[in-house]
Protein backbone atom coordinates (compact mmCIF):
# COMPACT_ATOMS: atom_id res chain seq x y z
CA MET A 1 19.60 9.44 20.93
CA SER A 2 17.33 9.20 23.25
CA TRP A 3 15.09 5.86 24.37
CA THR A 4 12.11 7.34 22.92
CA ASP A 5 14.03 8.31 19.20
CA GLU A 6 15.62 4.79 19.56
CA VAL A 7 13.50 1.93 20.60
CA ALA A 8 10.03 3.98 20.58
CA SER A 9 10.01 5.15 17.38
CA GLY A 10 9.55 1.38 16.01
CA MET A 11 13.12 2.19 13.97
CA LEU A 12 15.72 -0.82 13.15
CA CYS A 13 17.91 0.27 11.12
CA ALA A 14 20.44 3.02 11.92
CA PRO A 15 19.35 6.24 10.32
CA ASP A 16 21.65 6.73 7.60
CA ALA A 17 20.29 3.15 6.51
CA GLN A 18 16.43 4.17 6.65
CA ILE A 19 14.31 4.94 3.89
CA PRO A 20 13.01 8.56 4.51
CA LEU A 21 9.22 8.09 5.15
CA ASP A 22 8.63 12.50 5.57
CA LEU A 23 5.47 11.62 7.77
CA PRO A 24 3.70 14.48 9.10
CA GLU A 25 3.99 15.05 13.09
CA VAL A 26 0.08 14.92 13.66
CA VAL A 27 -1.21 11.49 12.32
CA PRO A 28 -4.01 12.98 9.60
CA ALA A 29 -7.76 12.32 11.06
CA GLN A 30 -8.54 10.50 7.94
CA ARG A 31 -5.99 7.90 8.76
CA VAL A 32 -7.09 5.20 5.43
CA PRO A 33 -7.14 7.85 2.97
CA PHE A 34 -3.71 8.98 4.16
CA ALA A 35 -2.46 5.31 4.08
CA LEU A 36 -3.40 4.47 0.78
CA ASP A 37 -1.72 8.11 -0.49
CA LEU A 38 1.37 7.00 1.36
CA ALA A 39 1.13 3.67 -0.23
CA GLY A 40 1.27 4.98 -3.60
CA GLU A 41 4.41 6.98 -3.13
CA LEU A 42 6.16 4.41 -0.44
CA SER A 43 5.59 1.72 -3.43
CA GLN A 44 7.94 2.97 -5.80
CA ARG A 45 10.43 3.45 -2.76
CA LEU A 46 10.46 0.27 -0.61
CA PRO A 47 12.63 -2.71 -1.61
CA SER A 48 10.74 -6.08 -1.97
CA PRO A 49 11.39 -8.78 0.35
CA GLY A 50 14.04 -11.20 -0.30
CA ASP A 51 16.31 -8.96 -3.13
CA GLY A 52 18.89 -7.93 -0.20
CA ALA A 53 17.59 -4.81 1.21
CA THR A 54 14.41 -7.01 3.43
CA LEU A 55 15.63 -4.79 6.52
CA GLN A 56 15.17 -1.28 5.31
CA LEU A 57 12.08 -2.70 4.13
CA TRP A 58 11.03 -4.00 7.87
CA ASP A 59 12.12 -0.90 9.33
CA ALA A 60 9.75 1.27 6.98
CA MET A 61 6.99 -0.20 7.87
CA ALA A 62 8.02 -0.69 11.85
CA ARG A 63 7.95 2.82 11.86
CA ILE A 64 4.75 3.64 10.51
CA ALA A 65 3.46 1.14 12.70
CA ALA A 66 5.12 3.26 15.46
CA TYR A 67 3.58 6.10 14.18
CA ASP A 68 0.20 4.79 13.81
CA LEU A 69 -1.49 0.94 13.78
CA THR A 70 -4.04 2.06 11.58
CA VAL A 71 -1.98 3.47 8.91
CA ALA A 72 0.47 0.53 9.02
CA ARG A 73 -2.50 -1.74 8.55
CA ALA A 74 -3.93 -0.25 5.65
CA LEU A 75 -0.36 0.06 3.70
CA GLU A 76 0.88 -3.58 4.80
CA PRO A 77 -1.28 -5.66 2.26
CA HIS A 78 -0.90 -3.08 -0.20
CA LEU A 79 2.97 -3.65 -0.01
CA ASP A 80 2.44 -7.69 0.47
CA ALA A 81 0.75 -7.46 -2.93
CA LEU A 82 3.49 -5.36 -4.81
CA ALA A 83 5.91 -8.28 -3.61
CA ILE A 84 4.09 -11.06 -4.19
CA LEU A 85 3.14 -9.96 -8.24
CA HIS A 86 6.93 -9.02 -8.25
CA GLN A 87 7.68 -12.33 -7.43
CA ALA A 88 5.22 -14.10 -10.11
CA GLY A 89 7.04 -11.85 -12.52
CA VAL A 90 3.55 -10.27 -13.37
CA PRO A 91 3.55 -6.49 -13.86
CA LEU A 92 0.51 -4.33 -13.18
CA THR A 93 -0.52 -3.86 -16.61
CA GLU A 94 -0.90 -7.21 -16.77
CA VAL A 95 -3.08 -7.22 -14.49
CA GLY A 96 -5.33 -3.86 -15.17
CA ALA A 97 -3.93 -1.86 -12.75
CA ASP A 98 -0.87 0.61 -12.46
CA GLU A 99 1.04 2.50 -10.25
CA ARG A 100 -1.81 4.55 -8.54
CA SER A 101 -4.14 1.49 -8.07
CA THR A 102 -4.45 0.37 -3.99
CA TRP A 103 -4.32 -3.36 -2.85
CA GLY A 104 -5.35 -5.77 -0.77
CA VAL A 105 -4.49 -9.37 -0.47
CA PHE A 106 -7.44 -11.72 0.61
CA ALA A 107 -6.54 -15.34 1.53
CA ALA A 108 -8.28 -16.12 4.36
CA GLU A 109 -10.64 -18.64 4.58
CA GLY A 110 -14.04 -19.30 6.95
CA PRO A 111 -17.46 -20.18 7.71
CA ASP A 112 -19.32 -17.38 6.16
CA GLY A 113 -18.52 -18.69 2.37
CA ARG A 114 -16.73 -19.68 -0.07
CA LEU A 115 -14.91 -17.95 -3.37
CA SER A 116 -14.54 -20.01 -6.11
CA ALA A 117 -12.88 -19.91 -9.57
CA ARG A 118 -13.68 -21.37 -12.71
CA GLU A 119 -11.96 -20.50 -16.85
CA THR A 120 -14.67 -19.36 -19.24
CA THR A 121 -14.02 -18.57 -22.50
CA THR A 122 -13.42 -15.08 -22.00
CA GLY A 123 -11.40 -16.03 -19.04
CA TRP A 124 -11.30 -17.05 -15.46
CA VAL A 125 -13.86 -15.43 -12.84
CA VAL A 126 -14.21 -15.99 -9.09
CA ASP A 127 -17.46 -16.22 -7.75
CA GLY A 128 -19.00 -16.36 -3.84
CA VAL A 129 -18.15 -14.96 -0.55
CA LYS A 130 -14.93 -14.16 0.86
CA PRO A 131 -14.40 -13.81 4.28
CA TRP A 132 -11.87 -11.04 6.12
CA CYS A 133 -11.50 -8.80 3.19
CA SER A 134 -9.92 -5.79 4.72
CA LEU A 135 -10.80 -2.19 3.16
CA ALA A 136 -12.55 -4.05 -0.07
CA GLY A 137 -14.89 -0.90 -0.35
CA GLN A 138 -11.84 1.54 -0.02
CA VAL A 139 -9.01 -0.44 -2.11
CA SER A 140 -8.78 -0.78 -6.29
CA HIS A 141 -7.75 -4.08 -6.13
CA ALA A 142 -7.28 -7.58 -4.67
CA LEU A 143 -5.26 -10.76 -4.97
CA VAL A 144 -7.84 -13.29 -3.76
CA THR A 145 -7.32 -16.91 -3.03
CA ALA A 146 -10.11 -18.69 -4.45
CA TRP A 147 -11.13 -22.65 -4.97
CA THR A 148 -10.19 -24.35 -8.48
CA SER A 149 -11.70 -27.93 -7.24
CA ASP A 150 -12.58 -29.77 -4.10
CA THR A 151 -8.49 -29.87 -3.08
CA THR A 152 -7.41 -26.87 -4.94
CA ARG A 153 -6.61 -23.29 -4.54
CA ARG A 154 -5.01 -20.51 -6.70
CA LEU A 155 -4.51 -16.99 -6.69
CA PHE A 156 -5.82 -14.25 -8.90
CA ALA A 157 -5.92 -10.52 -9.04
CA VAL A 158 -9.33 -8.89 -9.12
CA SER A 159 -10.34 -5.43 -9.37
CA LEU A 160 -12.57 -4.16 -6.97
CA GLY A 161 -16.05 -2.67 -8.79
CA ASP A 162 -19.83 -3.10 -8.69
CA ASP A 163 -19.56 -6.69 -8.59
CA VAL A 164 -17.71 -6.92 -5.58
CA ARG A 165 -19.84 -6.12 -2.12
CA PRO A 166 -18.35 -6.03 1.26
CA ARG A 167 -21.17 -7.31 3.89
CA PRO A 168 -22.16 -4.14 5.93
CA GLY A 169 -22.53 -3.59 9.75
CA ARG A 170 -20.23 -6.36 11.06
CA TRP A 171 -17.48 -5.11 12.35
CA ALA A 172 -18.01 -4.39 15.99
CA SER A 173 -14.34 -3.83 16.65
CA ARG A 174 -12.66 -0.89 19.01
CA GLY A 175 -9.26 -1.61 17.70
CA LEU A 176 -8.55 -1.09 13.86
CA VAL A 177 -11.74 0.64 13.47
CA GLU A 178 -11.16 1.98 10.53
CA ILE A 179 -9.90 -1.62 8.55
CA PRO A 180 -13.47 -3.15 8.50
CA SER A 181 -12.22 -6.61 7.29
CA ALA A 182 -16.41 -8.79 6.58
CA PRO A 183 -16.96 -10.85 4.22
CA ALA A 184 -16.97 -9.67 0.35
CA GLU A 185 -19.57 -10.65 -2.14
CA PHE A 186 -17.91 -11.48 -5.91
CA ALA A 187 -20.52 -11.93 -8.64
CA ASP A 188 -18.48 -13.57 -10.60
CA VAL A 189 -15.97 -11.17 -10.86
CA ALA A 190 -13.20 -11.07 -14.32
CA ALA A 191 -9.78 -12.58 -12.86
CA VAL A 192 -6.54 -12.77 -13.55
CA PRO A 193 -4.21 -15.63 -12.44
CA ILE A 194 -0.94 -15.55 -10.57
CA GLY A 195 0.95 -18.57 -10.50
CA ASP A 196 -0.27 -22.16 -10.94
CA ASP A 197 -2.78 -24.21 -8.36
CA GLY A 198 -0.56 -23.78 -5.03
CA TRP A 199 1.65 -21.55 -5.85
CA TYR A 200 0.34 -19.07 -3.49
CA LEU A 201 1.27 -21.24 -0.21
CA GLN A 202 4.19 -22.85 -1.75
CA ARG A 203 6.24 -20.15 -2.64
CA PRO A 204 8.81 -18.77 0.18
CA GLY A 205 7.81 -15.05 -0.18
CA PHE A 206 4.80 -16.35 1.96
CA TRP A 207 6.45 -16.92 4.87
CA TRP A 208 8.45 -13.38 4.50
CA GLY A 209 5.37 -11.37 4.04
CA ALA A 210 4.16 -13.45 7.54
CA ILE A 211 7.41 -11.57 9.01
CA GLY A 212 6.84 -8.51 7.71
CA VAL A 213 3.58 -8.43 9.57
CA ALA A 214 5.62 -9.44 12.47
CA ALA A 215 7.46 -6.04 12.13
CA CYS A 216 4.32 -4.28 12.08
CA TRP A 217 3.85 -6.04 15.87
CA TYR A 218 6.87 -5.09 16.81
CA GLY A 219 6.71 -1.19 15.67
CA GLY A 220 3.00 -1.41 17.39
CA ALA A 221 4.45 -2.47 20.41
CA ALA A 222 7.53 0.50 20.55
CA GLY A 223 4.34 2.98 20.16
CA VAL A 224 2.53 1.71 23.18
CA ALA A 225 5.58 1.68 25.25
CA ARG A 226 6.73 5.47 23.90
CA ARG A 227 4.11 6.14 27.31
CA LEU A 228 6.70 4.97 29.56
CA ALA A 229 9.41 6.97 28.56
CA PRO A 230 10.41 9.74 31.25
CA ARG A 231 8.28 12.94 30.59
CA THR A 232 10.63 16.08 30.26
CA GLY A 233 10.05 19.51 31.52
CA GLY A 234 8.95 18.36 34.68
CA ALA A 235 5.62 16.49 33.74
CA GLY A 236 4.09 14.00 36.03
CA ARG A 237 5.88 12.54 39.29
CA ALA A 238 9.33 11.24 38.93
CA PRO A 239 9.82 7.44 37.76
CA ASP A 240 10.39 5.36 40.98
CA GLN A 241 11.98 1.92 41.32
CA ILE A 242 8.75 0.48 39.86
CA ALA A 243 8.62 2.65 36.99
CA GLN A 244 11.95 2.04 36.40
CA LEU A 245 11.89 -1.61 36.76
CA HIS A 246 8.95 -1.52 33.53
CA LEU A 247 10.70 0.68 31.48
CA GLY A 248 13.49 -1.93 31.63
CA GLU A 249 11.33 -4.85 31.16
CA ALA A 250 9.93 -2.95 28.00
CA ASP A 251 13.23 -2.37 26.89
CA THR A 252 14.53 -5.46 26.93
CA LEU A 253 11.50 -7.12 25.50
CA LEU A 254 11.57 -4.46 22.32
CA PHE A 255 15.00 -5.42 22.23
CA ALA A 256 14.58 -8.96 21.96
CA ALA A 257 12.17 -8.24 18.93
CA ARG A 258 14.48 -5.82 17.16
CA ALA A 259 17.68 -8.68 17.07
CA THR A 260 14.78 -11.65 15.80
CA LEU A 261 13.62 -9.60 13.09
CA TRP A 262 17.23 -8.05 12.27
CA HIS A 263 18.24 -11.85 12.16
CA ALA A 264 14.82 -13.11 9.89
CA ALA A 265 16.15 -10.16 7.71
CA ALA A 266 19.25 -11.47 7.09
CA ARG A 267 18.03 -14.83 6.76
CA VAL A 268 15.59 -14.03 3.94
CA ASP A 269 18.18 -12.05 2.24
CA ASP A 270 20.34 -15.42 1.61
CA PRO A 271 19.43 -17.30 -0.86
CA GLU A 272 20.60 -20.41 0.86
CA ALA A 273 18.72 -19.68 3.28
CA ARG A 274 15.33 -20.57 1.53
CA ALA A 275 14.79 -24.31 3.19
CA GLY A 276 13.86 -22.88 6.71
CA ASP A 277 11.71 -20.15 5.61
CA GLU A 278 8.38 -21.73 7.38
CA VAL A 279 10.16 -22.38 10.80
CA LEU A 280 11.60 -19.24 10.77
CA ALA A 281 8.68 -17.33 10.39
CA ARG A 282 7.00 -19.35 12.79
CA ARG A 283 9.79 -18.45 15.23
CA VAL A 284 9.62 -14.73 14.49
CA ARG A 285 5.63 -14.40 14.48
CA GLY A 286 5.12 -16.34 17.98
CA LEU A 287 8.45 -14.31 19.63
CA VAL A 288 7.08 -11.14 18.25
CA ARG A 289 3.10 -11.98 19.26
CA THR A 290 4.68 -12.32 22.89
CA VAL A 291 6.80 -9.84 23.13
CA ALA A 292 3.80 -7.62 21.68
CA ASP A 293 1.33 -9.33 24.73
CA ASP A 294 3.99 -8.20 27.45
CA VAL A 295 4.69 -4.84 26.53
CA LEU A 296 0.84 -4.23 26.85
CA GLY A 297 0.65 -5.91 29.67
CA SER A 298 3.96 -4.38 31.17
CA THR A 299 2.78 -0.70 30.43
CA ALA A 300 -0.84 -0.90 31.42
CA ARG A 301 0.39 -1.92 34.88
CA ALA A 302 3.19 0.55 35.20
CA THR A 303 0.68 3.36 33.65
CA GLY A 304 -2.41 2.30 35.48
CA PRO A 305 -6.23 3.38 34.30
CA ALA A 306 -5.52 6.79 33.35
CA PRO A 307 -4.17 6.48 29.84
CA LEU A 308 -6.21 4.24 28.73
CA THR A 309 -9.14 6.43 29.76
CA PHE A 310 -7.87 9.87 29.04
CA GLU A 311 -5.52 9.86 26.26
CA GLU A 312 -7.09 8.62 22.62
CA GLU A 313 -3.47 8.65 21.20
CA HIS A 314 -2.60 6.03 23.57
CA ALA A 315 -5.42 4.11 24.21
CA ARG A 316 -5.99 3.54 20.35
CA ARG A 317 -2.67 2.45 20.04
CA VAL A 318 -3.36 -0.07 22.48
CA ALA A 319 -6.99 -1.59 21.58
CA ASP A 320 -5.29 -1.39 17.92
CA LEU A 321 -2.48 -3.69 18.85
CA SER A 322 -4.58 -5.58 20.27
CA VAL A 323 -6.29 -6.54 17.59
CA TYR A 324 -3.85 -6.14 14.93
CA VAL A 325 -1.61 -9.10 17.07
CA ARG A 326 -4.24 -11.60 17.08
CA GLN A 327 -3.62 -12.37 13.54
CA ASP A 328 -0.96 -14.64 15.03
CA HIS A 329 -3.18 -17.76 16.44
CA GLY A 330 -1.06 -17.92 19.67
CA GLU A 331 -0.61 -22.06 21.11
CA ARG A 332 -2.02 -23.05 18.07
CA ASP A 333 0.71 -21.46 15.73
CA LEU A 334 3.55 -22.62 18.33
CA ALA A 335 2.08 -26.51 17.66
CA ALA A 336 2.42 -26.08 14.05
CA LEU A 337 6.17 -25.02 14.63
CA GLY A 338 6.99 -27.83 17.01
CA ALA A 339 4.71 -30.35 14.33
CA GLN A 340 7.34 -28.93 11.87
CA LEU A 341 10.49 -29.22 13.88
CA THR A 342 9.31 -32.91 14.81
CA ALA A 343 8.65 -33.49 11.33
CA ASP A 344 11.95 -31.90 10.36
CA ARG A 345 13.77 -34.47 12.66
CA HIS A 346 12.40 -37.40 11.80
CA GLU A 347 13.28 -36.50 7.63
CA GLY A 348 16.73 -35.71 8.77
């Protein structure tokens, strides 16, 4: 097995343990529709995190990210939404959805507005503005957090119909161009509560989903590093010592991320390890984000400007990963980890 097959493909599992993906050799031009079609197919075959096959789930997500990050970015929240509903014990029929439904998860807060929830005589509704609603105009359903009081939030399932309007024209990103994440306006949209106030953030699966995102970052970094693989058939100049150094550096970085994700998957599948989920997730995300940043830098230094300016696929991978990995808040998230470790020490 070559380095490209083993590492740059994003695989985490041995081939005989992997869930087949059957991805076309060439990424379809319409990436988001392809991803949403794929979501319906894979949601029947991929396990939920914490159910004993978490590594197989993250392996599939990482391989899809190495294949194409836009596809992975569209698919990841769909899988996360299904895992959340599974953990809550809520069937799709109870929230007006079915196996053909496609999902987003809109849980961010920001200065663009506030989404509120209230109970009426006919049920719950959500109203207001929710920021960072990725693909709100293309998926059929979403899980959204909304304020039930000045200090409490609750998770709701909603159908994204005409009474949900994404705000157009604000997505200026050069990465993940096809995944607009603009605010969306909700006008008294019927909503089904999922769990009690605060359940979304307090459940163990919140941190499992956060690590699933990191598995996509890892796959994206592996896809970028693919450009470092020695060319076959004499294409390009023979790798010199500097090229070999960059390849070795990328391999070492990606190995560290793989080992971290292996360890995390085993912990997530261990019912006795639940108390450490937040610390685990913050460690994994911090390390994988660092690996992704370093792989981006090493690959750029090794290859120079030509791939970024003349190779559509590589330039897109770099731009997509550069945006996607910013879901980690860098030093702020490391500070939060440090605060958690300090609190645990004092409580111990």
